[in-house]
């Protein structure tokens, strides 16, 4: 190389100047875009800025929306203790944010101090799980037929979606303010749930559920208490039973607040559990109970009226049940001993047929004893004895013979039956 050439020395001088000022022949460039980040609240986030041919240039980080410088090259500028930087071989430059908070949300710019400046931006989105605000309703109390308004306010990022369900799985009843059109839905969407003309069947726990795709989903249980005075339903107001049996009386009570329930007889005597009575109260739901009293070994003195009474702070009510005797089956007792009765109960049809044949044979024999007339009955007369009424002395003889035959038959039958029983 001819160093005496003026142009050569001029090039060497320019190169030296560039090296002294930190400028290289290759301009720095970004190798790839900065990736956007979505990080749950409280987690760590790291932006990565990859630069080729950085040379003597410097990399800086700026929060774009606030113009706040976060770091220049190796030095952290911000006073946020959760921010730090790192790099690898002057190619990969990292911005670290620990325990990200909602105020960290926004755009972050990676800059190179070229002229003009080169930069690229990455977005940090901080997702926040849903949470309820103080505006959310607590447990409420309403009179039956009134209106209750339930409010469920939730915050989070993204904005939470709110829905309502009944804890018991029953439908929510929505009544329109105009016309009163009633609709039943398994769930209701929206922050405000209004229950108009509420009834006791709508009483219970309502669940407000808020979700935005960021775990965990949150819910709040709001209890709706519907107050009403007691009501009694009696399935049977007349109950009958035979003496000596157990009989059950029932009343169904609906009331809220829960009522005081008890039984009273027509003698104003309170019925309580004892050897005579078994008194029970079974809860069927939050506002319904079943009252029962079992009267053991029903006797004459137990017959009469029984009142079931329910009282709460809104009123009291009672209902009457009339208990009466049902006559039991009448039993006929014979002079036979128990063993003989058992035998007769077990006697089969064959044995009864034999006894009937024996009785018939006795009757036939008794008829053969009766003397027959020397001539057959004339045409137009009856063959029965009671029909042969002939005037004269033969009449009395015939009547006497008929009486004797009847007495014989009766005696014979009595003897035969007695002999049959003894044989058994």
Protein backbone atom coordinates (compact mmCIF):
# COMPACT_ATOMS: atom_id res chain seq x y z
CA UNK A 1 0.00 0.00 0.00
CA UNK A 2 1.26 3.38 -0.90
CA UNK A 3 1.00 5.37 2.32
CA UNK A 4 2.15 8.45 0.49
CA UNK A 5 -1.18 8.58 -1.25
CA UNK A 6 -3.22 11.37 0.33
CA UNK A 7 -6.56 9.65 -0.12
CA UNK A 8 -5.38 6.58 1.84
CA UNK A 9 -4.42 8.68 4.83
CA UNK A 10 -7.75 10.37 4.63
CA UNK A 11 -9.61 7.01 4.92
CA UNK A 12 -7.46 5.93 7.86
CA UNK A 13 -8.26 9.18 9.61
CA UNK A 14 -12.00 8.76 9.11
CA UNK A 15 -11.90 5.16 10.42
CA UNK A 16 -10.00 6.23 13.48
CA UNK A 17 -12.52 8.97 14.13
CA UNK A 18 -15.41 6.50 13.88
CA UNK A 19 -13.71 4.11 16.31
CA UNK A 20 -13.08 6.92 18.76
CA UNK A 21 -16.71 8.06 18.65
CA UNK A 22 -18.09 4.52 19.01
CA UNK A 23 -19.52 4.30 15.52
CA UNK A 24 -18.89 1.18 13.44
CA UNK A 25 -19.30 0.51 9.79
CA UNK A 26 -22.43 -1.66 10.51
CA UNK A 27 -25.47 0.04 12.00
CA UNK A 28 -27.15 -1.84 14.91
CA UNK A 29 -30.48 -3.47 14.19
CA UNK A 30 -33.15 -5.43 16.06
CA UNK A 31 -33.05 -9.14 15.39
CA UNK A 32 -36.77 -9.75 16.24
CA UNK A 33 -39.74 -7.89 17.71
CA UNK A 34 -40.31 -7.70 21.44
CA UNK A 35 -42.94 -10.19 22.55
CA UNK A 36 -46.01 -8.90 24.35
CA UNK A 37 -46.49 -10.27 27.83
CA UNK A 38 -49.63 -11.13 29.84
CA UNK A 39 -48.75 -11.85 33.42
CA UNK A 40 -51.02 -12.52 36.41
CA UNK A 41 -50.83 -10.08 39.24
CA UNK A 42 -47.89 -10.83 41.55
CA UNK A 43 -45.87 -12.83 39.02
CA UNK A 44 -42.56 -11.79 37.36
CA UNK A 45 -42.24 -10.38 33.83
CA UNK A 46 -39.18 -10.19 31.54
CA UNK A 47 -38.92 -8.26 28.27
CA UNK A 48 -36.19 -9.37 25.86
CA UNK A 49 -34.62 -7.04 23.27
CA UNK A 50 -32.18 -8.70 20.83
CA UNK A 51 -29.77 -6.34 18.97
CA UNK A 52 -27.19 -7.19 16.32
CA UNK A 53 -24.08 -5.06 15.64
CA UNK A 54 -24.59 -2.89 18.68
CA UNK A 55 -20.95 -1.85 18.68
CA UNK A 56 -20.42 1.19 20.86
CA UNK A 57 -24.09 2.15 20.98
CA UNK A 58 -26.18 1.84 24.10
CA UNK A 59 -29.57 0.20 24.86
CA UNK A 60 -32.13 1.93 27.00
CA UNK A 61 -35.61 1.02 28.39
CA UNK A 62 -38.47 3.51 28.67
CA UNK A 63 -42.09 3.09 29.86
CA UNK A 64 -43.78 4.54 26.81
CA UNK A 65 -47.03 5.84 28.33
CA UNK A 66 -45.33 7.77 31.14
CA UNK A 67 -42.02 8.48 29.36
CA UNK A 68 -40.27 7.26 32.50
CA UNK A 69 -36.74 5.96 31.83
CA UNK A 70 -36.32 2.52 33.37
CA UNK A 71 -32.65 1.79 32.54
CA UNK A 72 -29.73 2.78 30.25
CA UNK A 73 -27.38 -0.01 29.31
CA UNK A 74 -26.30 -1.62 32.64
CA UNK A 75 -27.71 1.07 34.91
CA UNK A 76 -31.22 1.17 36.40
CA UNK A 77 -32.60 4.70 36.42
CA UNK A 78 -36.09 4.21 37.92
CA UNK A 79 -36.57 4.21 41.66
CA UNK A 80 -38.81 1.16 41.41
CA UNK A 81 -36.95 -1.55 43.38
CA UNK A 82 -38.76 -4.27 41.46
CA UNK A 83 -37.06 -3.30 38.14
CA UNK A 84 -33.66 -4.67 37.04
CA UNK A 85 -31.70 -5.26 33.78
CA UNK A 86 -29.33 -7.88 32.42
CA UNK A 87 -27.64 -8.69 29.08
CA UNK A 88 -25.85 -11.49 27.30
CA UNK A 89 -22.83 -10.80 25.03
CA UNK A 90 -24.13 -7.36 24.12
CA UNK A 91 -26.80 -9.03 22.02
CA UNK A 92 -29.70 -9.94 24.34
CA UNK A 93 -30.85 -7.15 26.65
CA UNK A 94 -33.42 -7.94 29.33
CA UNK A 95 -35.74 -5.81 31.45
CA UNK A 96 -37.00 -7.62 34.57
CA UNK A 97 -40.06 -6.60 36.61
CA UNK A 98 -40.69 -8.62 39.73
CA UNK A 99 -44.05 -9.06 41.46
CA UNK A 100 -45.90 -7.11 38.79
CA UNK A 101 -48.69 -4.81 39.91
CA UNK A 102 -51.53 -3.17 38.05
CA UNK A 103 -49.57 0.10 37.70
CA UNK A 104 -46.92 -1.82 35.74
CA UNK A 105 -49.42 -2.42 32.93
CA UNK A 106 -48.52 -0.64 29.66
CA UNK A 107 -45.99 -0.35 26.79
CA UNK A 108 -42.23 -0.72 27.31
CA UNK A 109 -39.78 0.61 24.67
CA UNK A 110 -36.33 -0.73 23.88
CA UNK A 111 -34.20 2.09 22.37
CA UNK A 112 -30.80 2.30 20.66
CA UNK A 113 -29.11 5.70 20.72
CA UNK A 114 -28.53 5.91 17.00
CA UNK A 115 -29.33 9.01 14.99
CA UNK A 116 -32.16 8.83 14.35
CA UNK A 117 -33.05 6.69 17.37
CA UNK A 118 -34.16 3.13 16.79
CA UNK A 119 -36.82 1.60 19.03
CA UNK A 120 -39.42 -1.15 19.37
CA UNK A 121 -42.26 -1.65 21.83
CA UNK A 122 -43.63 -4.55 23.87
CA UNK A 123 -46.91 -4.55 25.80
CA UNK A 124 -47.26 -5.75 29.39
CA UNK A 125 -50.76 -6.76 30.38
CA UNK A 126 -51.31 -7.53 34.05
CA UNK A 127 -54.27 -9.87 34.52
CA UNK A 128 -56.09 -9.58 37.83
CA UNK A 129 -58.46 -12.28 39.15
CA UNK A 130 -61.97 -11.11 40.05
CA UNK A 131 -62.76 -9.74 43.47
CA UNK A 132 -65.92 -8.25 44.99
CA UNK A 133 -66.21 -4.62 45.96
CA UNK A 134 -67.92 -3.17 49.03
CA UNK A 135 -71.00 -2.44 46.94
CA UNK A 136 -71.89 -6.14 46.91
CA UNK A 137 -75.00 -6.99 48.92
CA UNK A 138 -75.04 -8.96 52.14
CA UNK A 139 -77.82 -11.14 53.55
CA UNK A 140 -81.25 -9.54 53.16
CA UNK A 141 -84.67 -9.81 54.79
CA UNK A 142 -87.95 -9.09 52.98
CA UNK A 143 -91.66 -9.52 53.68
CA UNK A 144 -93.48 -11.97 51.47
CA UNK A 145 -94.87 -10.17 48.43
CA UNK A 146 -92.21 -7.46 48.58
CA UNK A 147 -89.25 -6.68 46.29
CA UNK A 148 -85.58 -7.33 46.98
CA UNK A 149 -82.61 -6.01 45.01
CA UNK A 150 -79.37 -7.99 45.10
CA UNK A 151 -76.17 -6.29 43.89
CA UNK A 152 -72.89 -8.00 43.04
CA UNK A 153 -70.03 -5.68 42.00
CA UNK A 154 -66.74 -7.27 40.95
CA UNK A 155 -63.42 -5.82 39.81
CA UNK A 156 -60.57 -7.46 37.94
CA UNK A 157 -58.74 -7.45 34.62
CA UNK A 158 -60.19 -8.33 32.20
CA UNK A 159 -63.53 -7.04 33.48
CA UNK A 160 -65.31 -9.87 35.30
CA UNK A 161 -68.50 -11.51 34.08
CA UNK A 162 -71.15 -11.85 36.82
CA UNK A 163 -73.97 -14.39 37.02
CA UNK A 164 -76.46 -15.54 39.67
CA UNK A 165 -77.59 -19.04 40.65
CA UNK A 166 -79.60 -20.54 43.48
CA UNK A 167 -77.59 -22.71 45.83
CA UNK A 168 -80.33 -25.37 45.94
CA UNK A 169 -80.33 -25.66 42.14
CA UNK A 170 -83.91 -24.38 41.74
CA UNK A 171 -84.82 -21.84 39.09
CA UNK A 172 -84.66 -18.09 39.68
CA UNK A 173 -88.05 -16.42 39.13
CA UNK A 174 -87.88 -13.16 37.17
CA UNK A 175 -91.04 -11.01 37.13
CA UNK A 176 -91.32 -8.08 34.79
CA UNK A 177 -92.32 -4.75 36.43
CA UNK A 178 -95.07 -4.16 33.86
CA UNK A 179 -97.59 -6.91 33.33
CA UNK A 180 -95.94 -9.20 35.87
CA UNK A 181 -94.76 -11.69 33.25
CA UNK A 182 -92.96 -14.49 35.08
CA UNK A 183 -89.90 -16.24 33.70
CA UNK A 184 -87.92 -19.07 35.27
CA UNK A 185 -84.18 -19.30 34.54
CA UNK A 186 -81.44 -21.55 35.87
CA UNK A 187 -79.00 -18.60 35.94
CA UNK A 188 -79.23 -14.83 35.59
CA UNK A 189 -76.57 -12.65 33.95
CA UNK A 190 -75.76 -9.21 35.36
CA UNK A 191 -74.56 -7.43 38.45
CA UNK A 192 -78.05 -6.59 39.76
CA UNK A 193 -80.76 -9.21 40.44
CA UNK A 194 -84.23 -7.90 41.31
CA UNK A 195 -86.82 -10.26 42.80
CA UNK A 196 -90.34 -8.79 42.66
CA UNK A 197 -93.40 -10.06 44.55
CA UNK A 198 -91.17 -12.58 46.22
CA UNK A 199 -92.74 -15.72 47.70
CA UNK A 200 -91.64 -18.11 50.42
CA UNK A 201 -90.59 -20.69 47.82
CA UNK A 202 -87.93 -18.23 46.59
CA UNK A 203 -86.32 -18.01 50.01
CA UNK A 204 -82.80 -19.42 50.28
CA UNK A 205 -79.18 -18.81 49.34
CA UNK A 206 -78.31 -17.04 46.08
CA UNK A 207 -74.80 -17.39 44.67
CA UNK A 208 -73.10 -14.46 42.92
CA UNK A 209 -70.31 -15.85 40.70
CA UNK A 210 -67.64 -13.64 39.09
CA UNK A 211 -65.15 -14.88 36.50
CA UNK A 212 -62.82 -13.32 33.92
CA UNK A 213 -60.66 -16.23 32.81
CA UNK A 214 -58.02 -15.54 35.45
CA UNK A 215 -58.13 -18.08 38.26
CA UNK A 216 -59.53 -18.30 40.76
CA UNK A 217 -63.23 -17.75 40.07
CA UNK A 218 -64.87 -16.16 43.10
CA UNK A 219 -68.39 -16.44 44.47
CA UNK A 220 -70.40 -14.93 47.29
CA UNK A 221 -73.35 -16.49 49.08
CA UNK A 222 -76.21 -14.09 49.81
CA UNK A 223 -79.06 -15.36 51.99
CA UNK A 224 -82.57 -14.11 51.18
CA UNK A 225 -84.96 -14.55 54.11
CA UNK A 226 -88.68 -14.14 53.38
CA UNK A 227 -90.80 -13.41 56.47
CA UNK A 228 -94.45 -14.51 56.71
CA UNK A 229 -96.92 -15.50 59.42
CA UNK A 230 -97.53 -19.22 60.17
CA UNK A 231 -99.78 -21.36 57.99
CA UNK A 232 -101.00 -24.86 58.93
CA UNK A 233 -102.08 -27.61 56.55
CA UNK A 234 -103.86 -30.68 57.97
CA UNK A 235 -104.15 -33.68 55.63
CA UNK A 236 -106.91 -35.35 57.71
CA UNK A 237 -109.11 -33.40 60.09
CA UNK A 238 -111.11 -36.52 61.01
CA UNK A 239 -109.08 -39.52 62.13
CA UNK A 240 -110.66 -42.79 63.31
CA UNK A 241 -109.13 -45.90 64.83
CA UNK A 242 -110.27 -48.97 66.85
CA UNK A 243 -109.64 -49.03 70.57
CA UNK A 244 -106.35 -50.60 71.59
CA UNK A 245 -104.47 -49.47 68.47
CA UNK A 246 -101.87 -46.73 67.86
CA UNK A 247 -103.02 -43.73 65.81
CA UNK A 248 -100.99 -40.88 64.26
CA UNK A 249 -102.13 -37.26 63.90
CA UNK A 250 -100.30 -34.94 61.46
CA UNK A 251 -99.99 -31.18 60.86
CA UNK A 252 -97.73 -29.36 58.37
CA UNK A 253 -96.57 -25.87 59.41
CA UNK A 254 -95.00 -23.18 57.22
CA UNK A 255 -93.55 -20.12 58.96
CA UNK A 256 -90.55 -17.79 58.95
CA UNK A 257 -89.08 -16.84 61.33
CA UNK A 258 -89.44 -20.40 62.56
CA UNK A 259 -92.47 -20.90 64.74
CA UNK A 260 -93.02 -22.44 68.16
CA UNK A 261 -95.13 -25.56 67.57
CA UNK A 262 -97.11 -27.63 70.09
CA UNK A 263 -100.25 -29.77 70.60
CA UNK A 264 -103.19 -29.11 72.94
CA UNK A 265 -106.19 -31.33 73.74
CA UNK A 266 -109.79 -30.12 73.99
CA UNK A 267 -109.28 -30.19 77.75
CA UNK A 268 -106.59 -27.47 77.28
CA UNK A 269 -104.02 -30.04 78.39
CA UNK A 270 -100.73 -29.73 76.48
CA UNK A 271 -99.71 -32.93 74.74
CA UNK A 272 -96.09 -33.87 75.45
CA UNK A 273 -94.08 -37.02 74.88
CA UNK A 274 -94.89 -39.72 77.48
CA UNK A 275 -95.91 -43.35 77.69
CA UNK A 276 -99.20 -42.35 76.09
CA UNK A 277 -97.97 -39.86 73.46
CA UNK A 278 -95.00 -39.72 71.08
CA UNK A 279 -94.63 -36.08 69.92
CA UNK A 280 -92.21 -35.30 67.08
CA UNK A 281 -91.33 -32.31 64.90
CA UNK A 282 -89.42 -32.96 61.66
CA UNK A 283 -87.96 -30.14 59.54
CA UNK A 284 -88.88 -30.44 55.85
CA UNK A 285 -87.20 -27.21 54.63
CA UNK A 286 -85.98 -23.87 55.94
CA UNK A 287 -89.58 -22.79 56.59
CA UNK A 288 -91.65 -26.02 56.74
CA UNK A 289 -91.98 -28.59 59.53
CA UNK A 290 -94.10 -31.70 60.03
CA UNK A 291 -95.77 -32.07 63.43
CA UNK A 292 -96.88 -35.55 64.52
CA UNK A 293 -98.31 -37.06 67.67
CA UNK A 294 -98.78 -40.82 68.05
CA UNK A 295 -101.50 -41.82 70.52
CA UNK A 296 -100.58 -45.25 71.85
CA UNK A 297 -103.16 -47.89 72.82
CA UNK A 298 -106.21 -45.76 72.02
CA UNK A 299 -108.78 -45.70 74.85
CA UNK A 300 -112.17 -44.05 75.38
CA UNK A 301 -110.61 -41.16 77.30
CA UNK A 302 -108.31 -40.42 74.32
CA UNK A 303 -111.23 -39.71 72.01
CA UNK A 304 -111.79 -36.01 71.24
CA UNK A 305 -110.16 -32.96 69.64
CA UNK A 306 -106.43 -32.30 69.26
CA UNK A 307 -105.17 -28.85 68.22
CA UNK A 308 -101.82 -28.17 66.53
CA UNK A 309 -100.66 -24.61 67.23
CA UNK A 310 -97.87 -22.55 65.59
CA UNK A 311 -96.65 -19.10 66.70
CA UNK A 312 -93.97 -16.69 65.51
CA UNK A 313 -93.32 -12.95 65.76
CA UNK A 314 -95.74 -12.24 62.90
CA UNK A 315 -98.75 -14.14 64.25
CA UNK A 316 -100.16 -17.46 65.34
CA UNK A 317 -102.49 -20.08 63.88
CA UNK A 318 -104.07 -23.36 64.95
CA UNK A 319 -105.96 -26.25 63.39
CA UNK A 320 -108.18 -28.92 64.87
CA UNK A 321 -108.13 -32.71 64.38
CA UNK A 322 -111.04 -34.82 65.62
CA UNK A 323 -110.10 -38.31 66.84
CA UNK A 324 -112.97 -40.83 67.01
CA UNK A 325 -113.43 -44.55 67.65
CA UNK A 326 -113.98 -47.03 64.85
CA UNK A 327 -115.89 -50.10 66.19
CA UNK A 328 -113.73 -53.19 65.95
CA UNK A 329 -114.94 -56.53 64.44
CA UNK A 330 -117.51 -58.46 66.64
CA UNK A 331 -116.38 -61.98 67.56
CA UNK A 332 -118.83 -64.88 68.34
CA UNK A 333 -117.67 -67.26 71.07
CA UNK A 334 -119.08 -70.90 71.29
CA UNK A 335 -119.19 -73.38 74.16
CA UNK A 336 -116.55 -75.52 72.46
CA UNK A 337 -113.16 -75.78 73.98
CA UNK A 338 -110.23 -74.13 72.20
CA UNK A 339 -109.08 -77.52 70.95
CA UNK A 340 -112.47 -78.23 69.46
CA UNK A 341 -112.57 -74.83 67.83
CA UNK A 342 -109.16 -75.45 66.31
CA UNK A 343 -110.35 -78.80 65.02
CA UNK A 344 -113.45 -77.33 63.44
CA UNK A 345 -111.36 -74.64 61.81
CA UNK A 346 -109.17 -77.37 60.31
CA UNK A 347 -112.04 -79.64 59.25
CA UNK A 348 -111.88 -80.24 55.52
CA UNK A 349 -114.63 -80.34 52.94
CA UNK A 350 -114.46 -84.15 52.73
CA UNK A 351 -115.31 -84.59 56.42
CA UNK A 352 -118.17 -82.07 56.13
CA UNK A 353 -119.52 -83.96 53.12
CA UNK A 354 -119.48 -87.22 55.11
CA UNK A 355 -121.44 -85.64 57.92
CA UNK A 356 -124.00 -84.27 55.45
CA UNK A 357 -124.39 -87.73 53.84
CA UNK A 358 -124.92 -89.28 57.29
CA UNK A 359 -127.57 -86.71 58.16
CA UNK A 360 -129.37 -87.30 54.86
CA UNK A 361 -129.38 -91.07 55.43
CA UNK A 362 -130.99 -90.59 58.85
CA UNK A 363 -133.70 -88.44 57.28
CA UNK A 364 -134.37 -91.10 54.62
CA UNK A 365 -134.68 -93.78 57.28
CA UNK A 366 -137.07 -91.67 59.27
CA UNK A 367 -139.26 -91.21 56.21
CA UNK A 368 -139.41 -94.95 55.65
CA UNK A 369 -140.89 -95.41 59.14
CA UNK A 370 -143.94 -93.33 58.23
CA UNK A 371 -146.80 -95.77 57.19
CA UNK A 372 -147.87 -95.35 53.62
CA UNK A 373 -151.50 -95.12 52.55
CA UNK A 374 -153.14 -98.28 51.14
CA UNK A 375 -153.87 -96.45 47.98
CA UNK A 376 -151.95 -93.84 46.10
CA UNK A 377 -153.01 -90.25 46.50
CA UNK A 378 -155.72 -89.17 44.25
CA UNK A 379 -155.05 -86.91 41.42
CA UNK A 380 -155.20 -83.31 42.42
CA UNK A 381 -153.85 -83.72 46.03
CA UNK A 382 -150.25 -82.98 47.49
CA UNK A 383 -147.93 -85.72 48.63
CA UNK A 384 -146.56 -83.75 51.56
CA UNK A 385 -147.76 -84.54 55.05
CA UNK A 386 -148.84 -81.04 55.88
CA UNK A 387 -151.06 -80.99 52.81
CA UNK A 388 -153.07 -84.20 53.63
CA UNK A 389 -155.84 -82.71 55.71
CA UNK A 390 -158.77 -85.45 55.82
CA UNK A 391 -161.77 -85.04 58.11
CA UNK A 392 -162.73 -87.91 60.58
CA UNK A 393 -160.99 -90.23 63.11
CA UNK A 394 -158.20 -91.15 60.70
CA UNK A 395 -157.18 -87.51 60.85
CA UNK A 396 -156.19 -87.62 64.51
CA UNK A 397 -154.34 -90.93 64.15
CA UNK A 398 -152.40 -89.60 61.19
CA UNK A 399 -151.53 -86.42 63.09
CA UNK A 400 -150.34 -88.47 66.07
CA UNK A 401 -148.15 -90.62 63.88
CA UNK A 402 -146.69 -87.53 62.19
CA UNK A 403 -145.81 -85.99 65.57
CA UNK A 404 -144.11 -89.19 66.70
CA UNK A 405 -142.05 -89.31 63.52
CA UNK A 406 -140.90 -85.71 63.94
CA UNK A 407 -139.85 -86.35 67.53
CA UNK A 408 -137.95 -89.43 66.45
CA UNK A 409 -136.14 -87.59 63.69
CA UNK A 410 -135.11 -84.77 66.04
CA UNK A 411 -133.84 -87.24 68.65
CA UNK A 412 -131.97 -89.24 66.05
CA UNK A 413 -130.29 -86.16 64.59
CA UNK A 414 -129.26 -84.98 68.05
CA UNK A 415 -127.79 -88.37 68.83
CA UNK A 416 -125.98 -88.61 65.49
CA UNK A 417 -124.43 -85.16 65.78
CA UNK A 418 -123.32 -85.80 69.35
CA UNK A 419 -121.81 -89.12 68.35
CA UNK A 420 -119.99 -87.46 65.46
CA UNK A 421 -118.46 -84.81 67.72
CA UNK A 422 -117.40 -87.40 70.30
CA UNK A 423 -115.87 -89.55 67.62
CA UNK A 424 -113.81 -86.59 66.54
